[in-house]
């Protein structure tokens, strides 16, 4: 029983680590351009992480489409 619980928790934690914040968030043309540039520079996974970290910190603005 404990082994099943530990494995279940490990699967959930691994899934959470592989998720990147904002995966489903639509980007503006500016955001797509910056995302592509960062993926080219840092690689697919790291580029996405750097992009969203920069966005959350406030270094880049105007990359998310706003709701009407």
C-alpha atoms as a PDB file:
ATOM      1  CA  UNK A   1       0.000   0.000   0.000  1.00  0.00           C
ATOM      2  CA  UNK A   2       2.757   2.468   0.920  1.00  0.00           C
ATOM      3  CA  UNK A   3       4.651   1.638  -2.268  1.00  0.00           C
ATOM      4  CA  UNK A   4       1.587   2.448  -4.364  1.00  0.00           C
ATOM      5  CA  UNK A   5       1.138   5.771  -2.565  1.00  0.00           C
ATOM      6  CA  UNK A   6       4.807   6.683  -3.021  1.00  0.00           C
ATOM      7  CA  UNK A   7       4.703   5.774  -6.709  1.00  0.00           C
ATOM      8  CA  UNK A   8       1.511   7.777  -7.178  1.00  0.00           C
ATOM      9  CA  UNK A   9       3.054  10.812  -5.514  1.00  0.00           C
ATOM     10  CA  UNK A  10       6.207  10.444  -7.630  1.00  0.00           C
ATOM     11  CA  UNK A  11       4.140  10.320 -10.826  1.00  0.00           C
ATOM     12  CA  UNK A  12       2.218  13.445  -9.841  1.00  0.00           C
ATOM     13  CA  UNK A  13       5.413  15.300  -8.897  1.00  0.00           C
ATOM     14  CA  UNK A  14       7.096  14.324 -12.161  1.00  0.00           C
ATOM     15  CA  UNK A  15       4.043  15.507 -14.104  1.00  0.00           C
ATOM     16  CA  UNK A  16       4.067  18.822 -12.226  1.00  0.00           C
ATOM     17  CA  UNK A  17       7.759  19.349 -12.954  1.00  0.00           C
ATOM     18  CA  UNK A  18       7.182  18.770 -16.671  1.00  0.00           C
ATOM     19  CA  UNK A  19       4.384  21.314 -16.862  1.00  0.00           C
ATOM     20  CA  UNK A  20       5.310  24.822 -17.877  1.00  0.00           C
ATOM     21  CA  UNK A  21       3.210  27.685 -16.649  1.00  0.00           C
ATOM     22  CA  UNK A  22       1.187  29.285 -19.411  1.00  0.00           C
ATOM     23  CA  UNK A  23       1.337  26.425 -21.923  1.00  0.00           C
ATOM     24  CA  UNK A  24      -2.198  27.119 -23.095  1.00  0.00           C
ATOM     25  CA  UNK A  25      -1.958  30.884 -22.907  1.00  0.00           C
ATOM     26  CA  UNK A  26      -2.278  32.546 -26.338  1.00  0.00           C
ATOM     27  CA  UNK A  27       0.634  34.790 -27.262  1.00  0.00           C
ATOM     28  CA  UNK A  28       0.715  37.964 -29.310  1.00  0.00           C
ATOM     29  CA  UNK A  29       2.890  38.254 -32.408  1.00  0.00           C
ATOM     30  CA  UNK A  30       5.551  39.885 -30.233  1.00  0.00           C
ATOM     31  CA  UNK A  31       5.306  37.021 -27.726  1.00  0.00           C
ATOM     32  CA  UNK A  32       5.626  34.364 -30.437  1.00  0.00           C
ATOM     33  CA  UNK A  33       8.690  36.102 -31.854  1.00  0.00           C
ATOM     34  CA  UNK A  34      10.393  36.330 -28.452  1.00  0.00           C
ATOM     35  CA  UNK A  35       9.457  32.710 -27.603  1.00  0.00           C
ATOM     36  CA  UNK A  36      10.962  31.470 -30.881  1.00  0.00           C
ATOM     37  CA  UNK A  37      14.129  33.462 -30.280  1.00  0.00           C
ATOM     38  CA  UNK A  38      14.544  32.074 -26.762  1.00  0.00           C
ATOM     39  CA  UNK A  39      13.884  28.494 -27.918  1.00  0.00           C
ATOM     40  CA  UNK A  40      16.525  28.908 -30.637  1.00  0.00           C
ATOM     41  CA  UNK A  41      19.010  30.277 -28.122  1.00  0.00           C
ATOM     42  CA  UNK A  42      18.374  28.060 -25.072  1.00  0.00           C
ATOM     43  CA  UNK A  43      16.683  24.961 -26.502  1.00  0.00           C
ATOM     44  CA  UNK A  44      13.013  24.002 -26.507  1.00  0.00           C
ATOM     45  CA  UNK A  45      12.384  23.327 -22.797  1.00  0.00           C
ATOM     46  CA  UNK A  46      14.821  25.833 -21.278  1.00  0.00           C
ATOM     47  CA  UNK A  47      13.751  28.545 -23.747  1.00  0.00           C
ATOM     48  CA  UNK A  48      10.134  28.190 -22.687  1.00  0.00           C
ATOM     49  CA  UNK A  49      11.153  28.362 -19.025  1.00  0.00           C
ATOM     50  CA  UNK A  50      13.276  31.474 -19.586  1.00  0.00           C
ATOM     51  CA  UNK A  51      10.470  33.137 -21.566  1.00  0.00           C
ATOM     52  CA  UNK A  52       7.840  32.666 -18.842  1.00  0.00           C
ATOM     53  CA  UNK A  53      10.301  33.563 -16.064  1.00  0.00           C
ATOM     54  CA  UNK A  54      11.106  36.821 -17.868  1.00  0.00           C
ATOM     55  CA  UNK A  55       7.405  37.518 -18.437  1.00  0.00           C
ATOM     56  CA  UNK A  56       6.530  36.849 -14.785  1.00  0.00           C
ATOM     57  CA  UNK A  57       9.403  39.018 -13.559  1.00  0.00           C
ATOM     58  CA  UNK A  58       8.207  41.876 -15.762  1.00  0.00           C
ATOM     59  CA  UNK A  59      11.230  42.014 -18.071  1.00  0.00           C
ATOM     60  CA  UNK A  60       9.056  41.504 -21.164  1.00  0.00           C
ATOM     61  CA  UNK A  61       5.562  42.923 -21.533  1.00  0.00           C
ATOM     62  CA  UNK A  62       2.808  42.779 -24.106  1.00  0.00           C
ATOM     63  CA  UNK A  63       3.284  39.085 -24.928  1.00  0.00           C
ATOM     64  CA  UNK A  64      -0.118  37.795 -23.740  1.00  0.00           C
ATOM     65  CA  UNK A  65      -3.346  38.329 -25.609  1.00  0.00           C
ATOM     66  CA  UNK A  66      -5.880  40.071 -23.406  1.00  0.00           C
ATOM     67  CA  UNK A  67      -9.501  39.073 -23.002  1.00  0.00           C
ATOM     68  CA  UNK A  68     -12.142  41.315 -24.499  1.00  0.00           C
END
